[in-house]
Amino acid sequence: MHVAEIGSGPAVVFLHRFLEIWHSWWHQMLAVANGGFRAAALDFRGYGLSQVPAEPEEKTFKDLVDDLLEILDSFELQKVFLVGKDFVAVVVYHFALLHQDGISTCNTGPAIPAFGS
C-alpha cells in the first residue's frame, strides 16, 4: 500500500475518504509536520497508488482496519493520532475499539451529504 509521509515526531495518520486519495490531506500534513509531528497518509487498497485487492467485493471495514494495523507495524508506530472524515470514520472507530493501545486519540469529521441546488 502507498503511504506518503513528512516530518518527524509523534505520528499523525490521515485517512482519506472514499473516492479520494492521500493527497486530499496534503495541506493538513504540511501544517502538522511544521508543528513538530510526523504526518502520514495512505491510499487505501484500490485508490491512488495502491493496488486493487483481489476480490474487492469481499472486502470489509475490518480489512481496512487490518491494512492500517499492518502499515503502522511496518513503520514501527506503536501509538498514533488518527484523523479521518466522512465514511472512513467507521475505520477510525473500529481501529480505536480493536487496538486501544495503539491509538493516542482519534478525530473524525461528519459525513455531510451534498444536495443539488
PDB file of N, CA and C in Angstrom:
ATOM      1  N   MET A   1       0.831  -1.180   0.000  1.00  0.00           N
ATOM      2  CA  MET A   1       0.000   0.000   0.000  1.00  0.00           C
ATOM      3  C   MET A   1       0.874   1.241   0.000  1.00  0.00           C
ATOM      4  N   HIS A   2       0.396   2.259  -0.673  1.00  0.00           N
ATOM      5  CA  HIS A   2       1.140   3.504  -0.779  1.00  0.00           C
ATOM      6  C   HIS A   2       0.922   4.367   0.461  1.00  0.00           C
ATOM      7  N   VAL A   3       2.032   4.906   0.991  1.00  0.00           N
ATOM      8  CA  VAL A   3       1.980   5.811   2.139  1.00  0.00           C
ATOM      9  C   VAL A   3       2.862   7.014   1.835  1.00  0.00           C
ATOM     10  N   ALA A   4       2.337   8.208   2.072  1.00  0.00           N
ATOM     11  CA  ALA A   4       3.113   9.443   1.951  1.00  0.00           C
ATOM     12  C   ALA A   4       3.355   9.949   3.365  1.00  0.00           C
ATOM     13  N   GLU A   5       4.551  10.448   3.626  1.00  0.00           N
ATOM     14  CA  GLU A   5       4.833  10.963   4.962  1.00  0.00           C
ATOM     15  C   GLU A   5       5.780  12.141   4.913  1.00  0.00           C
ATOM     16  N   ILE A   6       5.712  12.961   5.961  1.00  0.00           N
ATOM     17  CA  ILE A   6       6.547  14.147   6.066  1.00  0.00           C
ATOM     18  C   ILE A   6       6.702  14.469   7.554  1.00  0.00           C
ATOM     19  N   GLY A   7       7.863  14.993   7.927  1.00  0.00           N
ATOM     20  CA  GLY A   7       8.091  15.431   9.298  1.00  0.00           C
ATOM     21  C   GLY A   7       8.597  14.334  10.209  1.00  0.00           C
ATOM     22  N   SER A   8       8.785  14.705  11.479  1.00  0.00           N
ATOM     23  CA  SER A   8       9.237  13.754  12.487  1.00  0.00           C
ATOM     24  C   SER A   8       8.595  14.123  13.820  1.00  0.00           C
ATOM     25  N   GLY A   9       8.532  13.145  14.694  1.00  0.00           N
ATOM     26  CA  GLY A   9       7.900  13.335  15.993  1.00  0.00           C
ATOM     27  C   GLY A   9       6.763  12.355  16.165  1.00  0.00           C
ATOM     28  N   PRO A  10       5.867  12.627  17.096  1.00  0.00           N
ATOM     29  CA  PRO A  10       4.705  11.754  17.268  1.00  0.00           C
ATOM     30  C   PRO A  10       3.921  11.661  15.948  1.00  0.00           C
ATOM     31  N   ALA A  11       3.374  10.482  15.681  1.00  0.00           N
ATOM     32  CA  ALA A  11       2.740  10.235  14.382  1.00  0.00           C
ATOM     33  C   ALA A  11       1.270  10.622  14.350  1.00  0.00           C
ATOM     34  N   VAL A  12       0.904  11.335  13.290  1.00  0.00           N
ATOM     35  CA  VAL A  12      -0.484  11.652  12.981  1.00  0.00           C
ATOM     36  C   VAL A  12      -0.775  11.002  11.630  1.00  0.00           C
ATOM     37  N   VAL A  13      -1.751  10.104  11.602  1.00  0.00           N
ATOM     38  CA  VAL A  13      -2.074   9.377  10.371  1.00  0.00           C
ATOM     39  C   VAL A  13      -3.431   9.848   9.862  1.00  0.00           C
ATOM     40  N   PHE A  14      -3.427  10.310   8.628  1.00  0.00           N
ATOM     41  CA  PHE A  14      -4.633  10.817   7.972  1.00  0.00           C
ATOM     42  C   PHE A  14      -5.193   9.742   7.051  1.00  0.00           C
ATOM     43  N   LEU A  15      -6.496   9.503   7.145  1.00  0.00           N
ATOM     44  CA  LEU A  15      -7.165   8.510   6.311  1.00  0.00           C
ATOM     45  C   LEU A  15      -8.154   9.211   5.390  1.00  0.00           C
ATOM     46  N   HIS A  16      -7.953   9.029   4.101  1.00  0.00           N
ATOM     47  CA  HIS A  16      -8.819   9.694   3.122  1.00  0.00           C
ATOM     48  C   HIS A  16     -10.186   9.051   3.076  1.00  0.00           C
ATOM     49  N   ARG A  17     -11.169   9.848   2.679  1.00  0.00           N
ATOM     50  CA  ARG A  17     -12.498   9.289   2.499  1.00  0.00           C
ATOM     51  C   ARG A  17     -12.545   8.574   1.155  1.00  0.00           C
ATOM     52  N   PHE A  18     -13.597   7.838   0.942  1.00  0.00           N
ATOM     53  CA  PHE A  18     -13.699   7.060  -0.283  1.00  0.00           C
ATOM     54  C   PHE A  18     -13.885   7.983  -1.491  1.00  0.00           C
ATOM     55  N   LEU A  19     -13.268   7.576  -2.549  1.00  0.00           N
ATOM     56  CA  LEU A  19     -13.189   8.291  -3.819  1.00  0.00           C
ATOM     57  C   LEU A  19     -12.161   9.418  -3.777  1.00  0.00           C
ATOM     58  N   GLU A  20     -11.340   9.470  -2.753  1.00  0.00           N
ATOM     59  CA  GLU A  20     -10.219  10.403  -2.701  1.00  0.00           C
ATOM     60  C   GLU A  20      -8.936   9.608  -2.557  1.00  0.00           C
ATOM     61  N   ILE A  21      -7.818  10.336  -2.472  1.00  0.00           N
ATOM     62  CA  ILE A  21      -6.517   9.703  -2.257  1.00  0.00           C
ATOM     63  C   ILE A  21      -5.795  10.456  -1.147  1.00  0.00           C
ATOM     64  N   TRP A  22      -4.606   9.986  -0.803  1.00  0.00           N
ATOM     65  CA  TRP A  22      -3.843  10.578   0.300  1.00  0.00           C
ATOM     66  C   TRP A  22      -3.661  12.076   0.127  1.00  0.00           C
ATOM     67  N   HIS A  23      -3.532  12.531  -1.103  1.00  0.00           N
ATOM     68  CA  HIS A  23      -3.197  13.934  -1.384  1.00  0.00           C
ATOM     69  C   HIS A  23      -4.262  14.910  -0.894  1.00  0.00           C
ATOM     70  N   SER A  24      -5.465  14.422  -0.645  1.00  0.00           N
ATOM     71  CA  SER A  24      -6.526  15.308  -0.140  1.00  0.00           C
ATOM     72  C   SER A  24      -6.173  15.870   1.241  1.00  0.00           C
ATOM     73  N   TRP A  25      -5.183  15.278   1.915  1.00  0.00           N
ATOM     74  CA  TRP A  25      -4.734  15.731   3.231  1.00  0.00           C
ATOM     75  C   TRP A  25      -3.439  16.538   3.174  1.00  0.00           C
ATOM     76  N   TRP A  26      -2.917  16.832   2.002  1.00  0.00           N
ATOM     77  CA  TRP A  26      -1.582  17.421   1.870  1.00  0.00           C
ATOM     78  C   TRP A  26      -1.407  18.698   2.697  1.00  0.00           C
ATOM     79  N   HIS A  27      -2.330  19.621   2.632  1.00  0.00           N
ATOM     80  CA  HIS A  27      -2.177  20.892   3.362  1.00  0.00           C
ATOM     81  C   HIS A  27      -2.178  20.662   4.879  1.00  0.00           C
ATOM     82  N   GLN A  28      -3.020  19.763   5.345  1.00  0.00           N
ATOM     83  CA  GLN A  28      -3.043  19.447   6.767  1.00  0.00           C
ATOM     84  C   GLN A  28      -1.750  18.741   7.184  1.00  0.00           C
ATOM     85  N   MET A  29      -1.230  17.883   6.314  1.00  0.00           N
ATOM     86  CA  MET A  29       0.022  17.192   6.610  1.00  0.00           C
ATOM     87  C   MET A  29       1.168  18.188   6.767  1.00  0.00           C
ATOM     88  N   LEU A  30       1.216  19.179   5.897  1.00  0.00           N
ATOM     89  CA  LEU A  30       2.260  20.203   5.998  1.00  0.00           C
ATOM     90  C   LEU A  30       2.166  20.950   7.320  1.00  0.00           C
ATOM     91  N   ALA A  31       0.964  21.350   7.704  1.00  0.00           N
ATOM     92  CA  ALA A  31       0.771  22.086   8.953  1.00  0.00           C
ATOM     93  C   ALA A  31       1.177  21.232  10.158  1.00  0.00           C
ATOM     94  N   VAL A  32       0.786  19.979  10.160  1.00  0.00           N
ATOM     95  CA  VAL A  32       1.117  19.070  11.261  1.00  0.00           C
ATOM     96  C   VAL A  32       2.623  18.844  11.328  1.00  0.00           C
ATOM     97  N   ALA A  33       3.254  18.633  10.181  1.00  0.00           N
ATOM     98  CA  ALA A  33       4.708  18.432  10.151  1.00  0.00           C
ATOM     99  C   ALA A  33       5.433  19.682  10.639  1.00  0.00           C
ATOM    100  N   ASN A  34       4.948  20.850  10.241  1.00  0.00           N
ATOM    101  CA  ASN A  34       5.561  22.096  10.705  1.00  0.00           C
ATOM    102  C   ASN A  34       5.357  22.310  12.205  1.00  0.00           C
ATOM    103  N   GLY A  35       4.382  21.627  12.774  1.00  0.00           N
ATOM    104  CA  GLY A  35       4.124  21.713  14.206  1.00  0.00           C
ATOM    105  C   GLY A  35       4.902  20.703  15.034  1.00  0.00           C
ATOM    106  N   GLY A  36       5.799  19.955  14.385  1.00  0.00           N
ATOM    107  CA  GLY A  36       6.648  19.017  15.117  1.00  0.00           C
ATOM    108  C   GLY A  36       6.146  17.592  15.178  1.00  0.00           C
ATOM    109  N   PHE A  37       5.310  17.216  14.220  1.00  0.00           N
ATOM    110  CA  PHE A  37       4.777  15.863  14.178  1.00  0.00           C
ATOM    111  C   PHE A  37       5.205  15.157  12.891  1.00  0.00           C
ATOM    112  N   ARG A  38       5.101  13.856  12.903  1.00  0.00           N
ATOM    113  CA  ARG A  38       5.292  13.039  11.697  1.00  0.00           C
ATOM    114  C   ARG A  38       3.899  12.829  11.107  1.00  0.00           C
ATOM    115  N   ALA A  39       3.669  13.350   9.929  1.00  0.00           N
ATOM    116  CA  ALA A  39       2.363  13.228   9.272  1.00  0.00           C
ATOM    117  C   ALA A  39       2.447  12.152   8.192  1.00  0.00           C
ATOM    118  N   ALA A  40       1.470  11.278   8.179  1.00  0.00           N
ATOM    119  CA  ALA A  40       1.421  10.224   7.171  1.00  0.00           C
ATOM    120  C   ALA A  40      -0.009  10.084   6.665  1.00  0.00           C
ATOM    121  N   ALA A  41      -0.126   9.738   5.391  1.00  0.00           N
ATOM    122  CA  ALA A  41      -1.433   9.464   4.794  1.00  0.00           C
ATOM    123  C   ALA A  41      -1.262   8.305   3.820  1.00  0.00           C
ATOM    124  N   LEU A  42      -2.226   7.415   3.826  1.00  0.00           N
ATOM    125  CA  LEU A  42      -2.122   6.250   2.940  1.00  0.00           C
ATOM    126  C   LEU A  42      -3.205   6.283   1.888  1.00  0.00           C
ATOM    127  N   ASP A  43      -2.972   5.538   0.844  1.00  0.00           N
ATOM    128  CA  ASP A  43      -4.011   5.265  -0.152  1.00  0.00           C
ATOM    129  C   ASP A  43      -4.572   3.889   0.184  1.00  0.00           C
ATOM    130  N   PHE A  44      -5.861   3.826   0.514  1.00  0.00           N
ATOM    131  CA  PHE A  44      -6.471   2.527   0.750  1.00  0.00           C
ATOM    132  C   PHE A  44      -6.346   1.673  -0.506  1.00  0.00           C
ATOM    133  N   ARG A  45      -6.449   0.371  -0.335  1.00  0.00           N
ATOM    134  CA  ARG A  45      -6.357  -0.549  -1.472  1.00  0.00           C
ATOM    135  C   ARG A  45      -7.388  -0.171  -2.541  1.00  0.00           C
ATOM    136  N   GLY A  46      -6.888  -0.082  -3.781  1.00  0.00           N
ATOM    137  CA  GLY A  46      -7.763   0.258  -4.896  1.00  0.00           C
ATOM    138  C   GLY A  46      -7.847   1.749  -5.180  1.00  0.00           C
ATOM    139  N   TYR A  47      -7.162   2.564  -4.379  1.00  0.00           N
ATOM    140  CA  TYR A  47      -7.179   4.015  -4.560  1.00  0.00           C
ATOM    141  C   TYR A  47      -5.761   4.511  -4.787  1.00  0.00           C
ATOM    142  N   GLY A  48      -5.647   5.589  -5.573  1.00  0.00           N
ATOM    143  CA  GLY A  48      -4.351   6.222  -5.784  1.00  0.00           C
ATOM    144  C   GLY A  48      -3.298   5.256  -6.278  1.00  0.00           C
ATOM    145  N   LEU A  49      -2.184   5.199  -5.568  1.00  0.00           N
ATOM    146  CA  LEU A  49      -1.052   4.371  -5.970  1.00  0.00           C
ATOM    147  C   LEU A  49      -1.055   2.981  -5.335  1.00  0.00           C
ATOM    148  N   SER A  50      -2.103   2.644  -4.596  1.00  0.00           N
ATOM    149  CA  SER A  50      -2.213   1.310  -4.002  1.00  0.00           C
ATOM    150  C   SER A  50      -2.917   0.367  -4.971  1.00  0.00           C
ATOM    151  N   GLN A  51      -2.513  -0.901  -4.928  1.00  0.00           N
ATOM    152  CA  GLN A  51      -3.095  -1.880  -5.835  1.00  0.00           C
ATOM    153  C   GLN A  51      -4.517  -2.242  -5.419  1.00  0.00           C
ATOM    154  N   VAL A  52      -5.293  -2.643  -6.415  1.00  0.00           N
ATOM    155  CA  VAL A  52      -6.649  -3.124  -6.168  1.00  0.00           C
ATOM    156  C   VAL A  52      -6.542  -4.502  -5.510  1.00  0.00           C
ATOM    157  N   PRO A  53      -7.298  -4.738  -4.434  1.00  0.00           N
ATOM    158  CA  PRO A  53      -7.225  -6.044  -3.779  1.00  0.00           C
ATOM    159  C   PRO A  53      -7.875  -7.134  -4.624  1.00  0.00           C
ATOM    160  N   ALA A  54      -7.435  -8.356  -4.385  1.00  0.00           N
ATOM    161  CA  ALA A  54      -8.102  -9.488  -5.019  1.00  0.00           C
ATOM    162  C   ALA A  54      -9.510  -9.561  -4.441  1.00  0.00           C
ATOM    163  N   GLU A  55     -10.488  -9.773  -5.260  1.00  0.00           N
ATOM    164  CA  GLU A  55     -11.887  -9.876  -4.857  1.00  0.00           C
ATOM    165  C   GLU A  55     -12.322  -8.669  -4.007  1.00  0.00           C
ATOM    166  N   PRO A  56     -12.273  -7.463  -4.577  1.00  0.00           N
ATOM    167  CA  PRO A  56     -12.619  -6.269  -3.789  1.00  0.00           C
ATOM    168  C   PRO A  56     -14.031  -6.285  -3.229  1.00  0.00           C
ATOM    169  N   GLU A  57     -14.941  -7.003  -3.894  1.00  0.00           N
ATOM    170  CA  GLU A  57     -16.321  -7.062  -3.408  1.00  0.00           C
ATOM    171  C   GLU A  57     -16.433  -7.820  -2.087  1.00  0.00           C
ATOM    172  N   GLU A  58     -15.389  -8.562  -1.715  1.00  0.00           N
ATOM    173  CA  GLU A  58     -15.388  -9.324  -0.469  1.00  0.00           C
ATOM    174  C   GLU A  58     -14.781  -8.540   0.693  1.00  0.00           C
ATOM    175  N   LYS A  59     -14.232  -7.361   0.436  1.00  0.00           N
ATOM    176  CA  LYS A  59     -13.544  -6.591   1.477  1.00  0.00           C
ATOM    177  C   LYS A  59     -14.542  -5.906   2.406  1.00  0.00           C
ATOM    178  N   THR A  60     -14.145  -5.773   3.663  1.00  0.00           N
ATOM    179  CA  THR A  60     -14.994  -5.153   4.682  1.00  0.00           C
ATOM    180  C   THR A  60     -14.209  -4.032   5.374  1.00  0.00           C
ATOM    181  N   PHE A  61     -14.891  -3.288   6.242  1.00  0.00           N
ATOM    182  CA  PHE A  61     -14.197  -2.270   7.028  1.00  0.00           C
ATOM    183  C   PHE A  61     -13.125  -2.910   7.902  1.00  0.00           C
ATOM    184  N   LYS A  62     -13.350  -4.123   8.359  1.00  0.00           N
ATOM    185  CA  LYS A  62     -12.344  -4.833   9.180  1.00  0.00           C
ATOM    186  C   LYS A  62     -11.066  -5.042   8.385  1.00  0.00           C
ATOM    187  N   ASP A  63     -11.181  -5.312   7.081  1.00  0.00           N
ATOM    188  CA  ASP A  63      -9.995  -5.460   6.238  1.00  0.00           C
ATOM    189  C   ASP A  63      -9.214  -4.147   6.180  1.00  0.00           C
ATOM    190  N   LEU A  64      -9.918  -3.021   6.129  1.00  0.00           N
ATOM    191  CA  LEU A  64      -9.246  -1.718   6.116  1.00  0.00           C
ATOM    192  C   LEU A  64      -8.539  -1.467   7.441  1.00  0.00           C
ATOM    193  N   VAL A  65      -9.163  -1.880   8.539  1.00  0.00           N
ATOM    194  CA  VAL A  65      -8.525  -1.763   9.854  1.00  0.00           C
ATOM    195  C   VAL A  65      -7.260  -2.619   9.895  1.00  0.00           C
ATOM    196  N   ASP A  66      -7.348  -3.847   9.384  1.00  0.00           N
ATOM    197  CA  ASP A  66      -6.179  -4.735   9.344  1.00  0.00           C
ATOM    198  C   ASP A  66      -5.072  -4.156   8.476  1.00  0.00           C
ATOM    199  N   ASP A  67      -5.438  -3.560   7.344  1.00  0.00           N
ATOM    200  CA  ASP A  67      -4.446  -2.906   6.480  1.00  0.00           C
ATOM    201  C   ASP A  67      -3.751  -1.777   7.231  1.00  0.00           C
ATOM    202  N   LEU A  68      -4.525  -0.981   7.956  1.00  0.00           N
ATOM    203  CA  LEU A  68      -3.964   0.123   8.715  1.00  0.00           C
ATOM    204  C   LEU A  68      -3.000  -0.390   9.782  1.00  0.00           C
ATOM    205  N   LEU A  69      -3.379  -1.436  10.500  1.00  0.00           N
ATOM    206  CA  LEU A  69      -2.502  -2.011  11.517  1.00  0.00           C
ATOM    207  C   LEU A  69      -1.209  -2.521  10.896  1.00  0.00           C
ATOM    208  N   GLU A  70      -1.309  -3.156   9.738  1.00  0.00           N
ATOM    209  CA  GLU A  70      -0.123  -3.661   9.044  1.00  0.00           C
ATOM    210  C   GLU A  70       0.822  -2.517   8.675  1.00  0.00           C
ATOM    211  N   ILE A  71       0.263  -1.420   8.191  1.00  0.00           N
ATOM    212  CA  ILE A  71       1.081  -0.248   7.839  1.00  0.00           C
ATOM    213  C   ILE A  71       1.769   0.313   9.091  1.00  0.00           C
ATOM    214  N   LEU A  72       1.014   0.480  10.161  1.00  0.00           N
ATOM    215  CA  LEU A  72       1.585   1.037  11.389  1.00  0.00           C
ATOM    216  C   LEU A  72       2.689   0.134  11.928  1.00  0.00           C
ATOM    217  N   ASP A  73       2.477  -1.168  11.867  1.00  0.00           N
ATOM    218  CA  ASP A  73       3.511  -2.105  12.303  1.00  0.00           C
ATOM    219  C   ASP A  73       4.755  -2.017  11.428  1.00  0.00           C
ATOM    220  N   SER A  74       4.556  -1.895  10.122  1.00  0.00           N
ATOM    221  CA  SER A  74       5.715  -1.839   9.218  1.00  0.00           C
ATOM    222  C   SER A  74       6.535  -0.563   9.431  1.00  0.00           C
ATOM    223  N   PHE A  75       5.889   0.513   9.886  1.00  0.00           N
ATOM    224  CA  PHE A  75       6.595   1.761  10.184  1.00  0.00           C
ATOM    225  C   PHE A  75       7.012   1.834  11.653  1.00  0.00           C
ATOM    226  N   GLU A  76       6.776   0.721  12.382  1.00  0.00           N
ATOM    227  CA  GLU A  76       7.123   0.627  13.805  1.00  0.00           C
ATOM    228  C   GLU A  76       6.504   1.761  14.621  1.00  0.00           C
ATOM    229  N   LEU A  77       5.244   2.050  14.340  1.00  0.00           N
ATOM    230  CA  LEU A  77       4.499   3.069  15.079  1.00  0.00           C
ATOM    231  C   LEU A  77       3.632   2.368  16.121  1.00  0.00           C
ATOM    232  N   GLN A  78       3.967   2.554  17.389  1.00  0.00           N
ATOM    233  CA  GLN A  78       3.207   1.895  18.442  1.00  0.00           C
ATOM    234  C   GLN A  78       1.953   2.675  18.830  1.00  0.00           C
ATOM    235  N   LYS A  79       1.986   3.997  18.692  1.00  0.00           N
ATOM    236  CA  LYS A  79       0.864   4.824  19.119  1.00  0.00           C
ATOM    237  C   LYS A  79       0.721   5.982  18.136  1.00  0.00           C
ATOM    238  N   VAL A  80      -0.498   6.232  17.668  1.00  0.00           N
ATOM    239  CA  VAL A  80      -0.723   7.266  16.658  1.00  0.00           C
ATOM    240  C   VAL A  80      -1.955   8.103  16.994  1.00  0.00           C
ATOM    241  N   PHE A  81      -2.003   9.277  16.393  1.00  0.00           N
ATOM    242  CA  PHE A  81      -3.200  10.094  16.349  1.00  0.00           C
ATOM    243  C   PHE A  81      -3.847   9.780  15.002  1.00  0.00           C
ATOM    244  N   LEU A  82      -5.095   9.355  14.990  1.00  0.00           N
ATOM    245  CA  LEU A  82      -5.788   9.028  13.737  1.00  0.00           C
ATOM    246  C   LEU A  82      -6.762  10.138  13.385  1.00  0.00           C
ATOM    247  N   VAL A  83      -6.752  10.524  12.109  1.00  0.00           N
ATOM    248  CA  VAL A  83      -7.661  11.555  11.614  1.00  0.00           C
ATOM    249  C   VAL A  83      -8.361  11.003  10.377  1.00  0.00           C
ATOM    250  N   GLY A  84      -9.681  11.090  10.363  1.00  0.00           N
ATOM    251  CA  GLY A  84     -10.444  10.634   9.216  1.00  0.00           C
ATOM    252  C   GLY A  84     -11.675  11.500   9.040  1.00  0.00           C
ATOM    253  N   LYS A  85     -12.300  11.379   7.893  1.00  0.00           N
ATOM    254  CA  LYS A  85     -13.518  12.134   7.642  1.00  0.00           C
ATOM    255  C   LYS A  85     -14.474  11.304   6.816  1.00  0.00           C
ATOM    256  N   ASP A  86     -15.710  11.675   6.897  1.00  0.00           N
ATOM    257  CA  ASP A  86     -16.762  11.013   6.133  1.00  0.00           C
ATOM    258  C   ASP A  86     -16.913   9.557   6.553  1.00  0.00           C
ATOM    259  N   PHE A  87     -17.141   8.687   5.593  1.00  0.00           N
ATOM    260  CA  PHE A  87     -17.408   7.287   5.891  1.00  0.00           C
ATOM    261  C   PHE A  87     -16.193   6.537   6.427  1.00  0.00           C
ATOM    262  N   VAL A  88     -14.996   7.070   6.242  1.00  0.00           N
ATOM    263  CA  VAL A  88     -13.805   6.409   6.778  1.00  0.00           C
ATOM    264  C   VAL A  88     -13.766   6.521   8.305  1.00  0.00           C
ATOM    265  N   ALA A  89     -14.640   7.327   8.878  1.00  0.00           N
ATOM    266  CA  ALA A  89     -14.751   7.379  10.335  1.00  0.00           C
ATOM    267  C   ALA A  89     -15.036   5.988  10.907  1.00  0.00           C
ATOM    268  N   VAL A  90     -15.735   5.159  10.153  1.00  0.00           N
ATOM    269  CA  VAL A  90     -16.010   3.791  10.591  1.00  0.00           C
ATOM    270  C   VAL A  90     -14.699   3.034  10.796  1.00  0.00           C
ATOM    271  N   VAL A  91     -13.740   3.239   9.914  1.00  0.00           N
ATOM    272  CA  VAL A  91     -12.430   2.592  10.046  1.00  0.00           C
ATOM    273  C   VAL A  91     -11.725   3.122  11.291  1.00  0.00           C
ATOM    274  N   VAL A  92     -11.754   4.430  11.492  1.00  0.00           N
ATOM    275  CA  VAL A  92     -11.119   5.039  12.655  1.00  0.00           C
ATOM    276  C   VAL A  92     -11.726   4.481  13.939  1.00  0.00           C
ATOM    277  N   TYR A  93     -13.049   4.433  14.022  1.00  0.00           N
ATOM    278  CA  TYR A  93     -13.709   3.939  15.223  1.00  0.00           C
ATOM    279  C   TYR A  93     -13.415   2.457  15.463  1.00  0.00           C
ATOM    280  N   HIS A  94     -13.452   1.654  14.397  1.00  0.00           N
ATOM    281  CA  HIS A  94     -13.129   0.229  14.552  1.00  0.00           C
ATOM    282  C   HIS A  94     -11.692   0.049  15.036  1.00  0.00           C
ATOM    283  N   PHE A  95     -10.767   0.822  14.459  1.00  0.00           N
ATOM    284  CA  PHE A  95      -9.374   0.720  14.888  1.00  0.00           C
ATOM    285  C   PHE A  95      -9.262   1.092  16.369  1.00  0.00           C
ATOM    286  N   ALA A  96      -9.919   2.180  16.771  1.00  0.00           N
ATOM    287  CA  ALA A  96      -9.855   2.625  18.164  1.00  0.00           C
ATOM    288  C   ALA A  96     -10.423   1.562  19.112  1.00  0.00           C
ATOM    289  N   LEU A  97     -11.474   0.873  18.700  1.00  0.00           N
ATOM    290  CA  LEU A  97     -12.066  -0.159  19.541  1.00  0.00           C
ATOM    291  C   LEU A  97     -11.212  -1.418  19.610  1.00  0.00           C
ATOM    292  N   LEU A  98     -10.629  -1.813  18.481  1.00  0.00           N
ATOM    293  CA  LEU A  98      -9.886  -3.071  18.411  1.00  0.00           C
ATOM    294  C   LEU A  98      -8.430  -2.947  18.834  1.00  0.00           C
ATOM    295  N   HIS A  99      -7.885  -1.753  18.770  1.00  0.00           N
ATOM    296  CA  HIS A  99      -6.454  -1.561  19.055  1.00  0.00           C
ATOM    297  C   HIS A  99      -6.256  -0.353  19.966  1.00  0.00           C
ATOM    298  N   GLN A 100      -6.874  -0.394  21.119  1.00  0.00           N
ATOM    299  CA  GLN A 100      -6.858   0.748  22.032  1.00  0.00           C
ATOM    300  C   GLN A 100      -5.456   1.153  22.469  1.00  0.00           C
ATOM    301  N   ASP A 101      -4.545   0.203  22.563  1.00  0.00           N
ATOM    302  CA  ASP A 101      -3.185   0.531  22.975  1.00  0.00           C
ATOM    303  C   ASP A 101      -2.412   1.247  21.883  1.00  0.00           C
ATOM    304  N   GLY A 102      -2.884   1.167  20.644  1.00  0.00           N
ATOM    305  CA  GLY A 102      -2.156   1.750  19.525  1.00  0.00           C
ATOM    306  C   GLY A 102      -2.615   3.127  19.110  1.00  0.00           C
ATOM    307  N   ILE A 103      -3.521   3.714  19.873  1.00  0.00           N
ATOM    308  CA  ILE A 103      -4.067   4.997  19.443  1.00  0.00           C
ATOM    309  C   ILE A 103      -3.972   6.008  20.585  1.00  0.00           C
ATOM    310  N   SER A 104      -3.470   7.191  20.262  1.00  0.00           N
ATOM    311  CA  SER A 104      -3.412   8.270  21.241  1.00  0.00           C
ATOM    312  C   SER A 104      -4.760   8.972  21.303  1.00  0.00           C
ATOM    313  N   THR A 105      -5.295   9.283  20.150  1.00  0.00           N
ATOM    314  CA  THR A 105      -6.622   9.895  20.051  1.00  0.00           C
ATOM    315  C   THR A 105      -7.095   9.762  18.605  1.00  0.00           C
ATOM    316  N   CYS A 106      -8.363   9.959  18.398  1.00  0.00           N
ATOM    317  CA  CYS A 106      -8.879   9.954  17.036  1.00  0.00           C
ATOM    318  C   CYS A 106      -9.778  11.162  16.848  1.00  0.00           C
ATOM    319  N   ASN A 107      -9.809  11.634  15.624  1.00  0.00           N
ATOM    320  CA  ASN A 107     -10.613  12.795  15.265  1.00  0.00           C
ATOM    321  C   ASN A 107     -11.287  12.492  13.940  1.00  0.00           C
ATOM    322  N   THR A 108     -12.585  12.655  13.899  1.00  0.00           N
ATOM    323  CA  THR A 108     -13.300  12.399  12.655  1.00  0.00           C
ATOM    324  C   THR A 108     -14.213  13.571  12.341  1.00  0.00           C
ATOM    325  N   GLY A 109     -14.423  13.757  11.064  1.00  0.00           N
ATOM    326  CA  GLY A 109     -15.366  14.764  10.596  1.00  0.00           C
ATOM    327  C   GLY A 109     -16.628  14.086  10.139  1.00  0.00           C
ATOM    328  N   PRO A 110     -17.731  14.788  10.162  1.00  0.00           N
ATOM    329  CA  PRO A 110     -19.010  14.167   9.801  1.00  0.00           C
ATOM    330  C   PRO A 110     -19.130  13.907   8.307  1.00  0.00           C
ATOM    331  N   ALA A 111     -19.992  12.983   8.007  1.00  0.00           N
ATOM    332  CA  ALA A 111     -20.370  12.733   6.616  1.00  0.00           C
ATOM    333  C   ALA A 111     -21.534  13.658   6.304  1.00  0.00           C
ATOM    334  N   ILE A 112     -21.290  14.657   5.518  1.00  0.00           N
ATOM    335  CA  ILE A 112     -22.326  15.639   5.197  1.00  0.00           C
ATOM    336  C   ILE A 112     -22.769  15.421   3.760  1.00  0.00           C
ATOM    337  N   PRO A 113     -24.033  15.076   3.548  1.00  0.00           N
ATOM    338  CA  PRO A 113     -24.490  14.843   2.175  1.00  0.00           C
ATOM    339  C   PRO A 113     -24.492  16.147   1.371  1.00  0.00           C
ATOM    340  N   ALA A 114     -24.173  16.022   0.121  1.00  0.00           N
ATOM    341  CA  ALA A 114     -24.201  17.185  -0.782  1.00  0.00           C
ATOM    342  C   ALA A 114     -25.536  17.183  -1.518  1.00  0.00           C
ATOM    343  N   PHE A 115     -26.213  18.280  -1.459  1.00  0.00           N
ATOM    344  CA  PHE A 115     -27.501  18.394  -2.137  1.00  0.00           C
ATOM    345  C   PHE A 115     -27.378  19.334  -3.320  1.00  0.00           C
ATOM    346  N   GLY A 116     -28.021  18.988  -4.412  1.00  0.00           N
ATOM    347  CA  GLY A 116     -28.037  19.849  -5.586  1.00  0.00           C
ATOM    348  C   GLY A 116     -28.902  21.082  -5.348  1.00  0.00           C
ATOM    349  N   SER A 117     -28.686  22.093  -6.168  1.00  0.00           N
ATOM    350  CA  SER A 117     -29.469  23.324  -5.973  1.00  0.00           C
ATOM    351  C   SER A 117     -30.809  23.235  -6.669  1.00  0.00           C
TER     352      SER A 117
END
